[in-house]
C-alpha atoms as a PDB file:
ATOM      1  CA  MET A   1     153.726 100.035 282.116  1.00  0.00           C
ATOM      2  CA  GLY A   2     151.879 101.989 280.108  1.00  0.00           C
ATOM      3  CA  PRO A   3     151.867 104.238 276.851  1.00  0.00           C
ATOM      4  CA  GLY A   4     155.615 104.952 277.173  1.00  0.00           C
ATOM      5  CA  ALA A   5     158.588 104.991 279.610  1.00  0.00           C
ATOM      6  CA  LEU A   6     159.231 107.850 282.709  1.00  0.00           C
ATOM      7  CA  HIS A   7     163.127 109.281 282.535  1.00  0.00           C
ATOM      8  CA  VAL A   8     163.538 108.991 286.288  1.00  0.00           C
ATOM      9  CA  GLU A   9     167.474 110.254 287.901  1.00  0.00           C
ATOM     10  CA  ARG A  10     168.610 108.421 290.634  1.00  0.00           C
ATOM     11  CA  TYR A  11     170.759 109.534 293.678  1.00  0.00           C
ATOM     12  CA  GLY A  12     172.647 107.705 296.229  1.00  0.00           C
ATOM     13  CA  PHE A  13     172.097 104.323 297.319  1.00  0.00           C
ATOM     14  CA  GLY A  14     170.330 104.120 300.249  1.00  0.00           C
ATOM     15  CA  ASP A  15     167.277 101.669 301.687  1.00  0.00           C
ATOM     16  CA  ARG A  16     164.646 103.907 302.159  1.00  0.00           C
ATOM     17  CA  ALA A  17     163.282 105.212 299.050  1.00  0.00           C
ATOM     18  CA  VAL A  18     162.117 109.298 298.369  1.00  0.00           C
ATOM     19  CA  VAL A  19     160.445 109.971 294.973  1.00  0.00           C
ATOM     20  CA  LEU A  20     161.066 113.782 294.339  1.00  0.00           C
ATOM     21  CA  LEU A  21     158.271 115.072 291.421  1.00  0.00           C
ATOM     22  CA  HIS A  22     158.233 118.576 289.534  1.00  0.00           C
ATOM     23  CA  GLY A  23     155.194 120.644 288.689  1.00  0.00           C
ATOM     24  CA  LEU A  24     154.184 122.514 286.358  1.00  0.00           C
ATOM     25  CA  GLY A  25     156.437 123.793 283.669  1.00  0.00           C
ATOM     26  CA  THR A  26     159.447 121.754 284.872  1.00  0.00           C
ATOM     27  CA  SER A  27     161.074 118.850 285.530  1.00  0.00           C
ATOM     28  CA  SER A  28     163.105 116.738 287.578  1.00  0.00           C
ATOM     29  CA  PHE A  29     165.527 118.855 286.718  1.00  0.00           C
ATOM     30  CA  LEU A  30     164.180 121.200 289.135  1.00  0.00           C
ATOM     31  CA  TRP A  31     165.800 118.766 292.001  1.00  0.00           C
ATOM     32  CA  ARG A  32     169.902 119.117 291.174  1.00  0.00           C
ATOM     33  CA  SER A  33     170.032 120.898 293.733  1.00  0.00           C
ATOM     34  CA  VAL A  34     168.418 119.240 296.533  1.00  0.00           C
ATOM     35  CA  ALA A  35     168.636 115.695 296.081  1.00  0.00           C
ATOM     36  CA  PRO A  36     172.272 115.043 296.040  1.00  0.00           C
ATOM     37  CA  THR A  37     172.457 117.145 299.969  1.00  0.00           C
ATOM     38  CA  LEU A  38     169.525 114.078 300.896  1.00  0.00           C
ATOM     39  CA  PRO A  39     171.422 111.745 303.440  1.00  0.00           C
ATOM     40  CA  LEU A  40     172.362 109.613 300.589  1.00  0.00           C
ATOM     41  CA  GLY A  41     173.724 106.711 302.703  1.00  0.00           C
ATOM     42  CA  ARG A  42     170.665 106.272 304.520  1.00  0.00           C
ATOM     43  CA  VAL A  43     167.954 106.873 301.362  1.00  0.00           C
ATOM     44  CA  THR A  44     168.085 106.526 297.211  1.00  0.00           C
ATOM     45  CA  ALA A  45     165.790 109.438 295.893  1.00  0.00           C
ATOM     46  CA  PHE A  46     164.298 108.924 292.880  1.00  0.00           C
ATOM     47  CA  ALA A  47     163.836 112.565 290.766  1.00  0.00           C
ATOM     48  CA  VAL A  48     161.008 111.402 288.153  1.00  0.00           C
ATOM     49  CA  ASP A  49     160.104 113.193 284.820  1.00  0.00           C
ATOM     50  CA  LEU A  50     156.603 112.799 284.393  1.00  0.00           C
ATOM     51  CA  PHE A  51     155.099 111.489 281.635  1.00  0.00           C
ATOM     52  CA  GLY A  52     155.672 113.667 278.630  1.00  0.00           C
ATOM     53  CA  HIS A  53     157.447 116.047 280.629  1.00  0.00           C
ATOM     54  CA  GLY A  54     161.134 116.244 280.583  1.00  0.00           C
ATOM     55  CA  GLU A  55     162.900 113.579 279.088  1.00  0.00           C
ATOM     56  CA  SER A  56     160.307 111.086 279.722  1.00  0.00           C
ATOM     57  CA  ASP A  57     158.326 109.695 276.976  1.00  0.00           C
ATOM     58  CA  ARG A  58     155.473 111.425 274.890  1.00  0.00           C
ATOM     59  CA  ALA A  59     152.398 109.981 273.063  1.00  0.00           C
ATOM     60  CA  VAL A  60     150.119 111.939 271.001  1.00  0.00           C
ATOM     61  CA  ASP A  61     146.522 110.355 271.693  1.00  0.00           C
ATOM     62  CA  ALA A  62     148.343 109.523 276.010  1.00  0.00           C
ATOM     63  CA  ASP A  63     146.363 110.662 278.718  1.00  0.00           C
ATOM     64  CA  TYR A  64     147.959 113.263 280.441  1.00  0.00           C
ATOM     65  CA  GLY A  65     145.772 113.946 283.541  1.00  0.00           C
ATOM     66  CA  VAL A  66     146.642 113.379 287.263  1.00  0.00           C
ATOM     67  CA  ALA A  67     144.971 110.167 287.988  1.00  0.00           C
ATOM     68  CA  ALA A  68     146.418 108.587 284.838  1.00  0.00           C
ATOM     69  CA  GLN A  69     149.763 110.355 286.225  1.00  0.00           C
ATOM     70  CA  ALA A  70     149.643 108.989 289.279  1.00  0.00           C
ATOM     71  CA  ASP A  71     149.474 105.096 287.032  1.00  0.00           C
ATOM     72  CA  TYR A  72     152.002 105.713 284.991  1.00  0.00           C
ATOM     73  CA  LEU A  73     154.585 106.539 288.259  1.00  0.00           C
ATOM     74  CA  SER A  74     153.047 103.439 290.157  1.00  0.00           C
ATOM     75  CA  ARG A  75     154.177 101.160 287.481  1.00  0.00           C
ATOM     76  CA  ALA A  76     157.510 103.086 286.927  1.00  0.00           C
ATOM     77  CA  LEU A  77     157.922 102.403 290.955  1.00  0.00           C
ATOM     78  CA  THR A  78     157.282  98.886 290.393  1.00  0.00           C
ATOM     79  CA  VAL A  79     159.880  98.833 287.699  1.00  0.00           C
ATOM     80  CA  LEU A  80     162.082 100.217 289.496  1.00  0.00           C
ATOM     81  CA  ARG A  81     161.248  97.830 292.600  1.00  0.00           C
ATOM     82  CA  VAL A  82     159.994 100.281 294.809  1.00  0.00           C
ATOM     83  CA  SER A  83     157.517  98.566 296.421  1.00  0.00           C
ATOM     84  CA  ARG A  84     157.370 101.734 299.179  1.00  0.00           C
ATOM     85  CA  ALA A  85     158.236 105.360 299.304  1.00  0.00           C
ATOM     86  CA  ASP A  86     157.869 108.809 300.366  1.00  0.00           C
ATOM     87  CA  PHE A  87     157.070 111.401 298.240  1.00  0.00           C
ATOM     88  CA  VAL A  88     158.209 114.843 298.283  1.00  0.00           C
ATOM     89  CA  ALA A  89     155.740 116.923 295.330  1.00  0.00           C
ATOM     90  CA  VAL A  90     155.932 120.592 293.722  1.00  0.00           C
ATOM     91  CA  ASP A  91     152.278 122.083 292.942  1.00  0.00           C
ATOM     92  CA  LEU A  92     150.838 119.838 290.706  1.00  0.00           C
ATOM     93  CA  GLY A  93     153.083 117.025 291.498  1.00  0.00           C
ATOM     94  CA  GLY A  94     151.438 117.094 294.795  1.00  0.00           C
ATOM     95  CA  ALA A  95     148.123 116.225 293.262  1.00  0.00           C
ATOM     96  CA  VAL A  96     149.457 113.133 291.802  1.00  0.00           C
ATOM     97  CA  ALA A  97     151.792 111.831 294.659  1.00  0.00           C
ATOM     98  CA  LEU A  98     147.753 112.501 296.348  1.00  0.00           C
ATOM     99  CA  ALA A  99     146.276 110.595 294.152  1.00  0.00           C
ATOM    100  CA  LEU A 100     148.223 107.642 294.053  1.00  0.00           C
ATOM    101  CA  ALA A 101     148.204 107.697 298.493  1.00  0.00           C
ATOM    102  CA  ALA A 102     144.988 107.989 298.878  1.00  0.00           C
ATOM    103  CA  ARG A 103     144.350 104.737 296.288  1.00  0.00           C
ATOM    104  CA  GLY A 104     147.421 102.642 296.839  1.00  0.00           C
ATOM    105  CA  SER A 105     148.503 104.139 301.144  1.00  0.00           C
ATOM    106  CA  SER A 106     150.587 100.768 301.252  1.00  0.00           C
ATOM    107  CA  ARG A 107     152.961 102.312 298.589  1.00  0.00           C
ATOM    108  CA  VAL A 108     153.200 105.592 299.792  1.00  0.00           C
ATOM    109  CA  ARG A 109     155.639 106.097 303.384  1.00  0.00           C
ATOM    110  CA  SER A 110     154.924 109.695 303.538  1.00  0.00           C
ATOM    111  CA  LEU A 111     154.169 112.726 301.400  1.00  0.00           C
ATOM    112  CA  VAL A 112     155.540 116.491 301.345  1.00  0.00           C
ATOM    113  CA  LEU A 113     153.579 118.614 299.220  1.00  0.00           C
ATOM    114  CA  VAL A 114     155.674 121.811 298.485  1.00  0.00           C
ATOM    115  CA  ASN A 115     152.912 124.436 297.539  1.00  0.00           C
ATOM    116  CA  PRO A 116     150.517 122.500 296.859  1.00  0.00           C
ATOM    117  CA  GLY A 117     147.202 123.357 294.817  1.00  0.00           C
ATOM    118  CA  ASP A 118     143.917 123.214 295.597  1.00  0.00           C
ATOM    119  CA  PRO A 119     143.059 120.025 295.271  1.00  0.00           C
ATOM    120  CA  SER A 120     139.132 120.953 294.546  1.00  0.00           C
ATOM    121  CA  SER A 121     140.140 123.429 291.654  1.00  0.00           C
ATOM    122  CA  PRO A 122     143.751 121.989 290.246  1.00  0.00           C
ATOM    123  CA  ARG A 123     144.383 124.072 287.017  1.00  0.00           C
ATOM    124  CA  GLY A 124     144.787 127.171 288.942  1.00  0.00           C
ATOM    125  CA  ASP A 125     146.006 130.641 288.101  1.00  0.00           C
ATOM    126  CA  ASP A 126     149.527 129.488 286.751  1.00  0.00           C
ATOM    127  CA  PHE A 127     147.246 127.126 284.249  1.00  0.00           C
ATOM    128  CA  ALA A 128     144.923 130.444 283.689  1.00  0.00           C
ATOM    129  CA  GLU A 129     148.223 132.508 282.343  1.00  0.00           C
ATOM    130  CA  VAL A 130     149.280 129.594 280.126  1.00  0.00           C
ATOM    131  CA  GLU A 131     146.100 129.469 278.347  1.00  0.00           C
ATOM    132  CA  ARG A 132     146.527 133.811 278.312  1.00  0.00           C
ATOM    133  CA  GLN A 133     149.539 133.338 276.887  1.00  0.00           C
ATOM    134  CA  TRP A 134     148.393 130.644 274.030  1.00  0.00           C
ATOM    135  CA  ALA A 135     145.707 132.990 273.205  1.00  0.00           C
ATOM    136  CA  ARG A 136     147.921 136.141 272.902  1.00  0.00           C
ATOM    137  CA  HIS A 137     150.778 134.350 270.636  1.00  0.00           C
ATOM    138  CA  LEU A 138     148.035 132.293 268.240  1.00  0.00           C
ATOM    139  CA  LEU A 139     148.797 133.681 265.266  1.00  0.00           C
ATOM    140  CA  ASP A 140     152.687 133.350 265.754  1.00  0.00           C
ATOM    141  CA  ALA A 141     151.628 129.831 267.504  1.00  0.00           C
ATOM    142  CA  SER A 142     149.858 128.740 264.258  1.00  0.00           C
ATOM    143  CA  SER A 143     153.157 130.184 262.300  1.00  0.00           C
ATOM    144  CA  GLY A 144     155.424 128.386 264.337  1.00  0.00           C
ATOM    145  CA  MET A 145     157.389 131.164 265.371  1.00  0.00           C
ATOM    146  CA  MET A 146     156.250 131.311 268.937  1.00  0.00           C
ATOM    147  CA  GLY A 147     158.671 129.279 271.631  1.00  0.00           C
ATOM    148  CA  ALA A 148     157.607 127.830 274.471  1.00  0.00           C
ATOM    149  CA  ALA A 149     159.568 130.497 276.388  1.00  0.00           C
ATOM    150  CA  SER A 150     156.312 132.538 275.924  1.00  0.00           C
ATOM    151  CA  LEU A 151     154.118 130.268 277.260  1.00  0.00           C
ATOM    152  CA  LEU A 152     156.469 129.262 280.400  1.00  0.00           C
ATOM    153  CA  GLY A 153     158.625 132.326 281.103  1.00  0.00           C
ATOM    154  CA  PRO A 154     156.076 134.397 282.791  1.00  0.00           C
ATOM    155  CA  ILE A 155     154.644 131.008 285.060  1.00  0.00           C
ATOM    156  CA  LEU A 156     158.628 130.598 286.072  1.00  0.00           C
ATOM    157  CA  GLU A 157     159.646 134.138 286.731  1.00  0.00           C
ATOM    158  CA  ARG A 158     156.345 134.275 288.834  1.00  0.00           C
ATOM    159  CA  SER A 159     156.998 130.757 290.847  1.00  0.00           C
ATOM    160  CA  VAL A 160     160.442 132.423 292.310  1.00  0.00           C
ATOM    161  CA  ALA A 161     161.159 135.303 294.880  1.00  0.00           C
ATOM    162  CA  GLN A 162     163.643 137.397 293.829  1.00  0.00           C
ATOM    163  CA  PRO A 163     164.063 137.730 288.960  1.00  0.00           C
ATOM    164  CA  GLU A 164     168.435 136.899 289.678  1.00  0.00           C
ATOM    165  CA  ARG A 165     166.900 133.421 290.826  1.00  0.00           C
ATOM    166  CA  MET A 166     165.293 132.402 286.956  1.00  0.00           C
ATOM    167  CA  PRO A 167     167.064 133.811 284.567  1.00  0.00           C
ATOM    168  CA  PRO A 168     167.143 133.594 280.917  1.00  0.00           C
ATOM    169  CA  ALA A 169     169.099 130.761 280.642  1.00  0.00           C
ATOM    170  CA  LEU A 170     167.581 128.840 283.497  1.00  0.00           C
ATOM    171  CA  ILE A 171     164.233 128.936 281.702  1.00  0.00           C
ATOM    172  CA  GLY A 172     165.763 127.871 278.365  1.00  0.00           C
ATOM    173  CA  ARG A 173     166.442 124.716 280.487  1.00  0.00           C
ATOM    174  CA  TYR A 174     163.284 124.190 281.752  1.00  0.00           C
ATOM    175  CA  VAL A 175     161.834 125.129 278.305  1.00  0.00           C
ATOM    176  CA  ALA A 176     164.316 122.853 276.024  1.00  0.00           C
ATOM    177  CA  PRO A 177     162.065 119.923 276.262  1.00  0.00           C
ATOM    178  CA  TYR A 178     158.946 121.695 274.100  1.00  0.00           C
ATOM    179  CA  VAL A 179     161.065 123.473 271.421  1.00  0.00           C
ATOM    180  CA  GLY A 180     159.289 123.710 268.133  1.00  0.00           C
ATOM    181  CA  ARG A 181     155.983 124.111 266.521  1.00  0.00           C
ATOM    182  CA  ASP A 182     155.372 120.536 267.702  1.00  0.00           C
ATOM    183  CA  GLY A 183     156.784 120.995 271.278  1.00  0.00           C
ATOM    184  CA  VAL A 184     154.349 124.332 271.897  1.00  0.00           C
ATOM    185  CA  ALA A 185     151.657 121.635 270.707  1.00  0.00           C
ATOM    186  CA  HIS A 186     152.362 119.305 273.333  1.00  0.00           C
ATOM    187  CA  LEU A 187     152.695 121.674 275.953  1.00  0.00           C
ATOM    188  CA  MET A 188     149.297 122.006 275.441  1.00  0.00           C
ATOM    189  CA  GLN A 189     148.419 118.981 275.246  1.00  0.00           C
ATOM    190  CA  VAL A 190     149.871 118.143 278.471  1.00  0.00           C
ATOM    191  CA  VAL A 191     148.470 121.454 280.243  1.00  0.00           C
ATOM    192  CA  ARG A 192     144.735 121.048 279.122  1.00  0.00           C
ATOM    193  CA  ALA A 193     144.662 117.042 280.272  1.00  0.00           C
ATOM    194  CA  VAL A 194     144.362 118.456 283.812  1.00  0.00           C
ATOM    195  CA  ASN A 195     141.261 119.483 284.826  1.00  0.00           C
ATOM    196  CA  ASP A 196     139.239 120.579 288.238  1.00  0.00           C
ATOM    197  CA  ARG A 197     137.750 117.382 288.906  1.00  0.00           C
ATOM    198  CA  ALA A 198     141.496 115.567 288.820  1.00  0.00           C
ATOM    199  CA  LEU A 199     140.821 114.818 292.396  1.00  0.00           C
ATOM    200  CA  ASP A 200     136.641 114.066 292.199  1.00  0.00           C
ATOM    201  CA  GLY A 201     136.371 111.192 293.569  1.00  0.00           C
ATOM    202  CA  VAL A 202     139.699 110.832 295.023  1.00  0.00           C
ATOM    203  CA  GLU A 203     139.246 110.699 298.812  1.00  0.00           C
ATOM    204  CA  TRP A 204     142.378 112.102 300.010  1.00  0.00           C
ATOM    205  CA  GLU A 205     141.610 113.449 303.373  1.00  0.00           C
ATOM    206  CA  GLN A 206     141.005 109.753 304.142  1.00  0.00           C
ATOM    207  CA  ALA A 207     144.433 108.581 303.975  1.00  0.00           C
ATOM    208  CA  GLY A 208     145.897 108.001 307.014  1.00  0.00           C
ATOM    209  CA  THR A 209     149.475 108.636 305.247  1.00  0.00           C
ATOM    210  CA  PRO A 210     152.129 111.176 307.501  1.00  0.00           C
ATOM    211  CA  THR A 211     152.230 114.801 305.621  1.00  0.00           C
ATOM    212  CA  LEU A 212     154.144 117.547 305.621  1.00  0.00           C
ATOM    213  CA  VAL A 213     153.234 120.563 303.635  1.00  0.00           C
ATOM    214  CA  VAL A 214     155.370 123.500 303.095  1.00  0.00           C
ATOM    215  CA  ARG A 215     154.237 126.388 301.782  1.00  0.00           C
ATOM    216  CA  GLY A 216     156.740 129.180 299.992  1.00  0.00           C
ATOM    217  CA  GLU A 217     155.429 132.475 302.292  1.00  0.00           C
ATOM    218  CA  ALA A 218     156.301 134.638 298.808  1.00  0.00           C
ATOM    219  CA  ASP A 219     153.783 132.071 296.208  1.00  0.00           C
ATOM    220  CA  GLY A 220     152.003 134.274 294.496  1.00  0.00           C
ATOM    221  CA  TRP A 221     150.168 131.595 292.263  1.00  0.00           C
ATOM    222  CA  VAL A 222     147.734 130.082 295.422  1.00  0.00           C
ATOM    223  CA  SER A 223     146.521 131.924 298.491  1.00  0.00           C
ATOM    224  CA  PRO A 224     148.009 130.752 301.942  1.00  0.00           C
ATOM    225  CA  ALA A 225     144.932 129.024 302.902  1.00  0.00           C
ATOM    226  CA  VAL A 226     144.829 126.361 301.026  1.00  0.00           C
ATOM    227  CA  SER A 227     148.416 124.631 302.336  1.00  0.00           C
ATOM    228  CA  ALA A 228     147.284 125.680 305.403  1.00  0.00           C
ATOM    229  CA  ASP A 229     143.392 123.224 304.739  1.00  0.00           C
ATOM    230  CA  ILE A 230     145.227 120.992 303.444  1.00  0.00           C
ATOM    231  CA  ALA A 231     147.298 119.971 306.335  1.00  0.00           C
ATOM    232  CA  SER A 232     144.359 120.405 308.600  1.00  0.00           C
ATOM    233  CA  ARG A 233     141.870 118.248 306.585  1.00  0.00           C
ATOM    234  CA  LEU A 234     144.714 115.214 306.613  1.00  0.00           C
ATOM    235  CA  ARG A 235     144.484 112.872 309.440  1.00  0.00           C
ATOM    236  CA  ARG A 236     147.832 113.073 309.785  1.00  0.00           C
ATOM    237  CA  GLY A 237     148.947 116.830 308.729  1.00  0.00           C
ATOM    238  CA  GLU A 238     151.135 119.217 309.335  1.00  0.00           C
ATOM    239  CA  HIS A 239     152.230 122.752 308.135  1.00  0.00           C
ATOM    240  CA  VAL A 240     154.855 124.909 308.022  1.00  0.00           C
ATOM    241  CA  GLY A 241     156.672 128.032 305.976  1.00  0.00           C
ATOM    242  CA  VAL A 242     159.243 129.269 304.285  1.00  0.00           C
ATOM    243  CA  ALA A 243     160.191 132.375 304.744  1.00  0.00           C
ATOM    244  CA  GLY A 244     161.888 133.974 300.923  1.00  0.00           C
ATOM    245  CA  ALA A 245     160.803 131.658 298.713  1.00  0.00           C
ATOM    246  CA  ALA A 246     157.859 131.207 296.290  1.00  0.00           C
ATOM    247  CA  ARG A 247     156.394 128.334 294.585  1.00  0.00           C
ATOM    248  CA  LEU A 248     159.811 126.983 293.640  1.00  0.00           C
ATOM    249  CA  ILE A 249     161.247 126.192 296.719  1.00  0.00           C
ATOM    250  CA  PRO A 250     163.558 123.726 294.814  1.00  0.00           C
ATOM    251  CA  GLU A 251     165.580 127.130 293.224  1.00  0.00           C
ATOM    252  CA  ASP A 252     164.755 129.646 295.935  1.00  0.00           C
ATOM    253  CA  ALA A 253     165.828 127.706 299.354  1.00  0.00           C
ATOM    254  CA  PRO A 254     167.287 124.043 298.245  1.00  0.00           C
ATOM    255  CA  GLY A 255     169.283 124.046 301.527  1.00  0.00           C
ATOM    256  CA  VAL A 256     166.253 124.252 303.825  1.00  0.00           C
ATOM    257  CA  LEU A 257     163.971 121.844 302.145  1.00  0.00           C
ATOM    258  CA  ALA A 258     166.936 119.182 302.184  1.00  0.00           C
ATOM    259  CA  ASP A 259     167.148 119.998 305.941  1.00  0.00           C
ATOM    260  CA  LEU A 260     163.140 120.005 306.587  1.00  0.00           C
ATOM    261  CA  VAL A 261     162.795 116.827 303.978  1.00  0.00           C
ATOM    262  CA  THR A 262     165.821 115.219 306.035  1.00  0.00           C
ATOM    263  CA  ALA A 263     164.470 115.898 309.194  1.00  0.00           C
ATOM    264  CA  TRP A 264     161.028 114.760 308.197  1.00  0.00           C
ATOM    265  CA  LEU A 265     162.324 111.749 307.385  1.00  0.00           C
ATOM    266  CA  GLY A 266     163.864 111.287 310.773  1.00  0.00           C
ATOM    267  CA  SER A 267     160.930 112.321 312.449  1.00  0.00           C
ATOM    268  CA  GLU A 268     159.304 110.007 314.992  1.00  0.00           C
ATOM    269  CA  ALA A 269     155.515 110.106 313.140  1.00  0.00           C
ATOM    270  CA  ASN A 270     157.254 109.287 310.197  1.00  0.00           C
ATOM    271  CA  ARG A 271     159.039 105.773 311.284  1.00  0.00           C
ATOM    272  CA  ASP A 272     157.588 102.332 310.061  1.00  0.00           C
END
C-alpha cells in the first residue's frame, strides 16, 4: 500500500464510515474523546495516524507531502474495505482531505474541516514556529540533547484556548513518537515535506463534496477569514464557529465537536 503501513484506531461497527485525520504535531490520539461519543451504532470511525506520524510507519526516503499522504490514505482505505467515507480533519489533515476529495470525489462522501489552513499557503505560522525553534536549539539538536517537546511544545500550547488543556504530560504524549535524535530529525523531515505548493493544481473548489468548515474562534494560528473563505469558495460549503476553542477543538471542546459531526452526518445536505 506504499512505503509502509498506517496505524488506524477503529471505533464502532456501523454501516457508515467516518475517517478522522489529525494535523501538525498530533496523531490519532487527538480523537480519543471525540470518536467514542459519535453514534457508533450507525457509524464506524477510523482515527488514522498519517504516514510518518504517531504509530504509523516511517521511511527515510519517503514522501511526507500532502499529495503523498492523500495517496497513502486512499490505499489504506482500500485495505480496510472502505469505499466511501465522511472525513473529519484538523488543520493540515484538512489539506490532505481536500486533495483526496478533489481527485477522487467518489471516495469522499462529505468533509468536516476543523480549523483548516489557507489552501494557497499550507505552511502557516505553525510551520515557521517549528523552524524557529529548530534554529534556536540547533546546537542542542546536533548533540542529541534537544527533545521534540522543544519544537512542538510551543505549537501545542498555542493550539488550545486555555493552558491547562495542554499540560506537560499531554505534550509528552503527543511528542512520544519523536523521542531521541533520530525522532527529532524525522519530525523535521515531516515538517519540511509540506510546502506552499502542496495544493497547486488541485481544483479543490470544484469538488462538489458537501463540506462543513468549523472554526475555533480562539484559534490564533490562522486568520478568521480563511475558514469563511474556504466555505464560500466550495460549491456546497457551510461554516460554523465554536466559542471558547482554539485550533485543537478535539482537546478544547470534544463534546461540541462530536455533536456537530453527528448533526452533520444526519443533515439533509449530507445524505446519499
